[in-house]
Amino acid sequence: MEHEPADDRWIRALAEAQHGVLARRQLLEGGMPPTRVRSWIAGGRLVRRHRGVYTMGHALLAREGVWMAAVLACGPGALLSHRSAAALWGLRPPTGGDVDVTVPPGGPRTPGAGIRPHESGLAVHRFATASDEIPVTTVAWTLFDLAAMLPGHQLRRAVEQSERLELFDLARVEAALAVAPRRPGSPALRALLADLKDHGVTRTRSDVEAAMLQLCLGHGLPRPQVNRQADGREVDFRWPDQRLIVEVDGWAFHRTRRAFAADRARDRAALRDGWRTARFTAVEVQRQPDRVARELAALLQGDAL
């Protein structure tokens, strides 16, 4: 690019700053004549990603470029939001599929394939920011959006992760709740905040651990300690008064012979120290929560199953 014309360098710099994408309106606002835009499109220097959004000579984009292209396709004021914003902030794993974008009132309702638009004047005017140069809803509003679409244990995980990343701001979350008290998700988020106020932020290590904790709370079982030490061994859940340990076994972490043998050795060591150990699979917790709750209640009461 040593001999690249000066009036082309700003275009390339813009694309690089925006993760490889740019919008036709940005080119026109920057002074590029419409005829030249059309010439670049015809010649393949601009490759269409969405209507009015292009890459510079290629079609491959990293995840950030896909997000940025979707935001640009929705016009000025648009923000990455919901699950896509959660992935950008690192609160939830990327899900693939359509990109969630919040648009101002009257914004495009059908911006194109691969984009899921959400309309909100509140978000775009009061809860907008940028991360890695991508316009996005604030962490507080992102959590509010998630509260309306995620089950309780996944919302808990998102809040835990925001706190772990030092992104959680209680005052901002409460401000979001205050401006839209009847918004879907408000009861779930308020209930979780109340739980965190009373018991602190938990440290679950997976969705299935968070699901087990929510299962206990939802069925009125005694609240367990989460990922605490029991005689030098960290365990998933424990009830000290009942000397009960519960481990939730996901296949990803317990599928080797070595892991299987280590689990049983730990169970025997706990038994020698006066702790009973019960193991539930991730599938049981996720698909048979009522049965798991009944078994747990019996164990906590000291009844034989």
Protein backbone atom coordinates (compact mmCIF):
# COMPACT_ATOMS: atom_id res chain seq x y z
CA MET A 1 0.00 0.00 0.00
CA GLU A 2 3.09 2.26 -0.27
CA HIS A 3 1.72 4.10 -3.31
CA GLU A 4 -1.91 4.06 -2.26
CA PRO A 5 -3.58 7.42 -3.00
CA ALA A 6 -4.10 9.59 0.08
CA ASP A 7 -7.85 9.79 -0.53
CA ASP A 8 -8.00 5.98 -0.45
CA ARG A 9 -6.02 5.59 2.75
CA TRP A 10 -8.79 7.04 4.92
CA ILE A 11 -11.19 4.46 3.51
CA ARG A 12 -8.86 1.60 4.35
CA ALA A 13 -8.20 3.08 7.78
CA LEU A 14 -11.94 3.32 8.40
CA ALA A 15 -12.44 -0.33 7.43
CA GLU A 16 -9.55 -1.44 9.65
CA ALA A 17 -10.97 0.50 12.60
CA GLN A 18 -14.34 -1.17 12.03
CA HIS A 19 -13.08 -4.75 11.89
CA GLY A 20 -12.96 -4.88 8.11
CA VAL A 21 -16.35 -3.40 7.22
CA LEU A 22 -17.77 -0.03 6.25
CA ALA A 23 -21.08 1.45 5.20
CA ARG A 24 -21.91 3.17 1.92
CA ARG A 25 -23.29 6.15 3.85
CA GLN A 26 -19.91 6.57 5.55
CA LEU A 27 -18.15 6.70 2.20
CA LEU A 28 -20.56 9.30 0.88
CA GLU A 29 -20.33 11.36 4.06
CA GLY A 30 -16.55 11.24 3.73
CA GLY A 31 -16.71 12.75 0.27
CA MET A 32 -16.46 9.71 -1.98
CA PRO A 33 -18.55 10.33 -5.13
CA PRO A 34 -21.45 7.92 -5.68
CA THR A 35 -20.05 6.99 -9.09
CA ARG A 36 -16.77 5.91 -7.50
CA VAL A 37 -18.61 3.85 -4.89
CA ARG A 38 -20.43 2.05 -7.69
CA SER A 39 -17.16 1.54 -9.55
CA TRP A 40 -15.52 -0.02 -6.49
CA ILE A 41 -18.47 -2.35 -6.04
CA ALA A 42 -18.44 -3.38 -9.70
CA GLY A 43 -14.68 -3.93 -9.61
CA GLY A 44 -14.79 -6.06 -6.46
CA ARG A 45 -12.92 -3.63 -4.20
CA LEU A 46 -16.08 -3.48 -2.10
CA VAL A 47 -17.79 -6.81 -1.41
CA ARG A 48 -21.39 -6.67 -0.22
CA ARG A 49 -22.07 -8.03 3.28
CA HIS A 50 -25.48 -6.48 3.90
CA ARG A 51 -27.43 -3.87 2.03
CA GLY A 52 -25.23 -0.78 2.11
CA VAL A 53 -22.45 -2.52 4.07
CA TYR A 54 -19.24 -3.83 2.50
CA THR A 55 -15.90 -5.44 3.19
CA MET A 56 -12.69 -4.34 1.50
CA GLY A 57 -12.12 -6.86 -1.26
CA HIS A 58 -12.93 -10.01 0.68
CA ALA A 59 -15.90 -11.81 2.21
CA LEU A 60 -14.29 -13.36 5.31
CA LEU A 61 -14.84 -11.65 8.66
CA ALA A 62 -13.89 -12.37 12.23
CA ARG A 63 -16.68 -12.44 14.79
CA GLU A 64 -16.19 -8.75 15.58
CA GLY A 65 -16.53 -7.88 11.91
CA VAL A 66 -19.79 -9.82 11.68
CA TRP A 67 -21.15 -7.88 14.67
CA MET A 68 -19.98 -4.53 13.30
CA ALA A 69 -21.47 -5.21 9.88
CA ALA A 70 -24.85 -6.00 11.44
CA VAL A 71 -24.80 -2.77 13.47
CA LEU A 72 -23.89 -0.70 10.40
CA ALA A 73 -26.64 -2.37 8.39
CA CYS A 74 -29.20 -1.13 10.91
CA GLY A 75 -28.25 2.52 10.47
CA PRO A 76 -27.16 5.36 12.74
CA GLY A 77 -27.84 4.83 16.44
CA ALA A 78 -27.98 1.05 16.20
CA LEU A 79 -26.34 -0.99 18.96
CA LEU A 80 -25.22 -4.57 19.34
CA SER A 81 -27.46 -6.01 22.06
CA HIS A 82 -28.97 -9.02 23.84
CA ARG A 83 -27.05 -12.29 23.36
CA SER A 84 -24.63 -10.72 20.88
CA ALA A 85 -23.75 -7.93 23.31
CA ALA A 86 -23.34 -10.51 26.08
CA ALA A 87 -20.82 -12.35 23.91
CA LEU A 88 -18.94 -9.12 23.12
CA TRP A 89 -18.72 -8.23 26.83
CA GLY A 90 -17.67 -11.80 27.68
CA LEU A 91 -20.76 -12.45 29.81
CA ARG A 92 -22.03 -15.44 27.83
CA PRO A 93 -20.50 -17.70 25.18
CA PRO A 94 -21.22 -16.75 21.55
CA THR A 95 -24.30 -18.56 20.30
CA GLY A 96 -23.93 -18.25 16.56
CA GLY A 97 -27.03 -17.58 14.50
CA ASP A 98 -28.55 -14.14 14.00
CA VAL A 99 -26.87 -11.04 15.40
CA ASP A 100 -29.01 -9.09 17.89
CA VAL A 101 -29.12 -5.35 17.20
CA THR A 102 -31.18 -2.72 19.00
CA VAL A 103 -32.40 0.10 16.76
CA PRO A 104 -34.03 3.47 17.48
CA PRO A 105 -37.81 3.75 17.15
CA GLY A 106 -38.68 3.73 13.47
CA GLY A 107 -35.45 1.96 12.59
CA PRO A 108 -35.31 -0.90 10.08
CA ARG A 109 -37.43 -3.87 11.11
CA THR A 110 -36.05 -6.12 8.37
CA PRO A 111 -32.41 -5.07 7.93
CA GLY A 112 -31.43 -8.30 6.20
CA ALA A 113 -30.59 -11.94 6.69
CA GLY A 114 -28.62 -12.83 9.78
CA ILE A 115 -29.78 -9.85 11.84
CA ARG A 116 -32.43 -9.83 14.56
CA PRO A 117 -33.56 -6.23 15.25
CA HIS A 118 -35.02 -4.99 18.56
CA GLU A 119 -36.53 -1.52 18.90
CA SER A 120 -35.77 0.61 21.96
CA GLY A 121 -35.52 4.35 22.39
CA LEU A 122 -34.30 3.96 25.96
CA ALA A 123 -31.35 1.77 25.07
CA VAL A 124 -30.03 3.82 22.17
CA HIS A 125 -30.36 7.16 23.99
CA ARG A 126 -29.39 6.31 27.58
CA PHE A 127 -27.64 2.94 27.65
CA ALA A 128 -25.33 3.12 24.64
CA THR A 129 -21.57 2.77 24.69
CA ALA A 130 -18.84 1.16 22.60
CA SER A 131 -16.47 -1.74 23.16
CA ASP A 132 -13.65 -2.50 20.75
CA GLU A 133 -15.10 0.30 18.58
CA ILE A 134 -18.42 -1.58 18.23
CA PRO A 135 -21.53 0.37 19.33
CA VAL A 136 -23.16 -1.78 22.02
CA THR A 137 -25.58 -1.61 24.91
CA THR A 138 -24.00 -1.05 28.32
CA VAL A 139 -23.36 -4.05 30.53
CA ALA A 140 -26.26 -2.98 32.77
CA TRP A 141 -28.75 -2.85 29.88
CA THR A 142 -27.33 -6.03 28.38
CA LEU A 143 -28.08 -7.83 31.65
CA PHE A 144 -31.59 -6.34 31.56
CA ASP A 145 -32.07 -7.68 28.04
CA LEU A 146 -30.79 -11.10 29.08
CA ALA A 147 -33.16 -11.21 32.05
CA ALA A 148 -36.10 -11.31 29.63
CA MET A 149 -34.75 -14.16 27.53
CA LEU A 150 -32.56 -16.46 29.63
CA PRO A 151 -33.53 -19.00 32.29
CA GLY A 152 -32.61 -17.98 35.82
CA HIS A 153 -29.41 -20.02 36.09
CA GLN A 154 -27.97 -18.55 32.89
CA LEU A 155 -28.83 -15.03 34.04
CA ARG A 156 -27.02 -15.78 37.29
CA ARG A 157 -23.98 -16.91 35.35
CA ALA A 158 -24.00 -13.71 33.31
CA VAL A 159 -24.12 -11.56 36.44
CA GLU A 160 -21.39 -13.65 38.07
CA GLN A 161 -19.21 -13.25 35.01
CA SER A 162 -19.79 -9.48 34.87
CA GLU A 163 -18.67 -9.24 38.48
CA ARG A 164 -15.66 -11.48 37.82
CA LEU A 165 -14.62 -9.24 34.90
CA GLU A 166 -15.16 -6.15 37.08
CA LEU A 167 -17.88 -4.91 34.73
CA PHE A 168 -20.82 -5.16 37.13
CA ASP A 169 -22.13 -1.83 38.42
CA LEU A 170 -25.10 -2.19 40.76
CA ALA A 171 -26.05 1.50 40.51
CA ARG A 172 -26.25 1.30 36.71
CA VAL A 173 -28.29 -1.91 36.80
CA GLU A 174 -30.70 -0.31 39.27
CA ALA A 175 -30.89 2.77 37.02
CA ALA A 176 -31.87 0.54 34.11
CA LEU A 177 -34.56 -1.13 36.21
CA ALA A 178 -35.85 2.26 37.37
CA VAL A 179 -36.46 3.64 33.87
CA ALA A 180 -38.36 0.54 32.73
CA PRO A 181 -39.84 -1.11 35.83
CA ARG A 182 -42.48 -3.05 33.88
CA ARG A 183 -40.15 -4.30 31.19
CA PRO A 184 -39.99 -8.08 30.69
CA GLY A 185 -37.17 -9.48 32.74
CA SER A 186 -37.51 -6.90 35.51
CA PRO A 187 -38.85 -9.37 38.13
CA ALA A 188 -36.15 -11.93 37.39
CA LEU A 189 -33.35 -9.39 37.57
CA ARG A 190 -34.70 -7.82 40.77
CA ALA A 191 -35.02 -11.23 42.41
CA LEU A 192 -31.44 -12.09 41.49
CA LEU A 193 -30.13 -8.77 42.80
CA ALA A 194 -31.97 -9.35 46.09
CA ASP A 195 -30.41 -12.80 46.36
CA LEU A 196 -26.94 -11.40 45.70
CA LYS A 197 -27.48 -8.70 48.31
CA ASP A 198 -28.39 -11.29 50.94
CA HIS A 199 -25.85 -13.97 50.04
CA GLY A 200 -23.15 -12.36 47.94
CA VAL A 201 -22.04 -13.27 44.45
CA THR A 202 -21.76 -17.01 43.96
CA ARG A 203 -18.94 -18.61 42.01
CA THR A 204 -20.52 -21.34 39.91
CA ARG A 205 -18.20 -22.78 37.28
CA SER A 206 -20.74 -23.81 34.65
CA ASP A 207 -24.35 -23.44 33.59
CA VAL A 208 -25.19 -26.80 35.11
CA GLU A 209 -23.80 -25.77 38.50
CA ALA A 210 -25.87 -22.59 38.33
CA ALA A 211 -28.89 -24.71 37.38
CA MET A 212 -28.38 -26.89 40.45
CA LEU A 213 -28.21 -23.83 42.70
CA GLN A 214 -31.38 -22.40 41.15
CA LEU A 215 -33.01 -25.81 41.55
CA CYS A 216 -32.32 -25.73 45.29
CA LEU A 217 -33.62 -22.19 45.66
CA GLY A 218 -36.67 -22.78 43.51
CA HIS A 219 -37.70 -25.91 45.44
CA GLY A 220 -37.21 -24.37 48.87
CA LEU A 221 -34.26 -26.56 49.80
CA PRO A 222 -31.59 -25.33 52.22
CA ARG A 223 -29.08 -23.12 50.43
CA PRO A 224 -25.80 -24.96 49.80
CA GLN A 225 -22.28 -23.62 49.91
CA VAL A 226 -20.91 -23.48 46.36
CA ASN A 227 -17.41 -24.54 45.35
CA ARG A 228 -16.07 -24.53 48.90
CA GLN A 229 -13.35 -26.56 50.56
CA ALA A 230 -14.37 -29.66 52.51
CA ASP A 231 -11.40 -31.05 54.44
CA GLY A 232 -8.95 -29.81 51.83
CA ARG A 233 -11.05 -30.80 48.81
CA GLU A 234 -13.08 -28.35 46.72
CA VAL A 235 -16.58 -29.68 46.10
CA ASP A 236 -19.43 -28.41 43.94
CA PHE A 237 -22.05 -28.12 46.70
CA ARG A 238 -22.04 -28.90 50.38
CA TRP A 239 -24.38 -28.69 53.34
CA PRO A 240 -22.17 -28.69 56.45
CA ASP A 241 -24.99 -29.26 58.95
CA GLN A 242 -26.07 -32.42 57.13
CA ARG A 243 -22.48 -33.40 56.20
CA LEU A 244 -23.67 -33.78 52.62
CA ILE A 245 -21.65 -33.17 49.45
CA VAL A 246 -23.26 -33.03 46.02
CA GLU A 247 -21.24 -33.18 42.84
CA VAL A 248 -22.71 -32.40 39.43
CA ASP A 249 -20.90 -34.40 36.78
CA GLY A 250 -20.76 -33.06 33.25
CA TRP A 251 -19.42 -35.40 30.60
CA ALA A 252 -16.80 -32.87 29.44
CA PHE A 253 -15.03 -32.94 32.81
CA HIS A 254 -15.50 -36.56 33.89
CA ARG A 255 -15.19 -38.62 30.72
CA THR A 256 -11.74 -40.14 31.23
CA ARG A 257 -10.90 -43.21 33.27
CA ARG A 258 -8.53 -41.13 35.37
CA ALA A 259 -11.26 -38.61 36.21
CA PHE A 260 -13.71 -41.41 36.97
CA ALA A 261 -11.25 -43.06 39.35
CA ALA A 262 -10.30 -39.76 41.00
CA ASP A 263 -13.98 -38.96 41.65
CA ARG A 264 -14.50 -42.28 43.45
CA ALA A 265 -11.34 -41.86 45.49
CA ARG A 266 -12.51 -38.44 46.64
CA ASP A 267 -15.91 -39.86 47.56
CA ARG A 268 -14.29 -42.54 49.73
CA ALA A 269 -12.03 -40.00 51.41
CA ALA A 270 -15.03 -37.79 52.17
CA LEU A 271 -16.91 -40.77 53.60
CA ARG A 272 -14.02 -41.55 55.92
CA ASP A 273 -14.27 -37.97 57.18
CA GLY A 274 -17.99 -38.30 57.82
CA TRP A 275 -19.33 -36.71 54.61
CA ARG A 276 -21.86 -38.42 52.38
CA THR A 277 -21.47 -37.73 48.65
CA ALA A 278 -24.26 -37.79 46.06
CA ARG A 279 -23.57 -37.41 42.36
CA PHE A 280 -26.03 -36.16 39.74
CA THR A 281 -25.39 -35.92 36.03
CA ALA A 282 -25.80 -32.69 34.13
CA VAL A 283 -28.60 -34.28 32.11
CA GLU A 284 -30.54 -35.11 35.27
CA VAL A 285 -30.23 -31.58 36.61
CA GLN A 286 -31.27 -30.01 33.32
CA ARG A 287 -34.05 -32.42 32.30
CA GLN A 288 -35.37 -33.88 35.56
CA PRO A 289 -35.13 -31.05 38.10
CA ASP A 290 -38.19 -32.12 40.11
CA ARG A 291 -36.85 -35.65 40.61
CA VAL A 292 -33.41 -34.31 41.57
CA ALA A 293 -35.06 -31.94 44.07
CA ARG A 294 -36.99 -34.82 45.66
CA GLU A 295 -33.84 -36.89 46.01
CA LEU A 296 -31.95 -33.96 47.47
CA ALA A 297 -34.71 -33.28 49.98
CA ALA A 298 -34.57 -36.89 51.12
CA LEU A 299 -30.79 -36.78 51.44
CA LEU A 300 -30.92 -33.56 53.43
CA GLN A 301 -33.44 -35.14 55.78
CA GLY A 302 -31.22 -38.20 56.19
CA ASP A 303 -33.81 -40.51 54.66
CA ALA A 304 -32.83 -43.58 52.70
CA LEU A 305 -33.72 -43.37 49.00
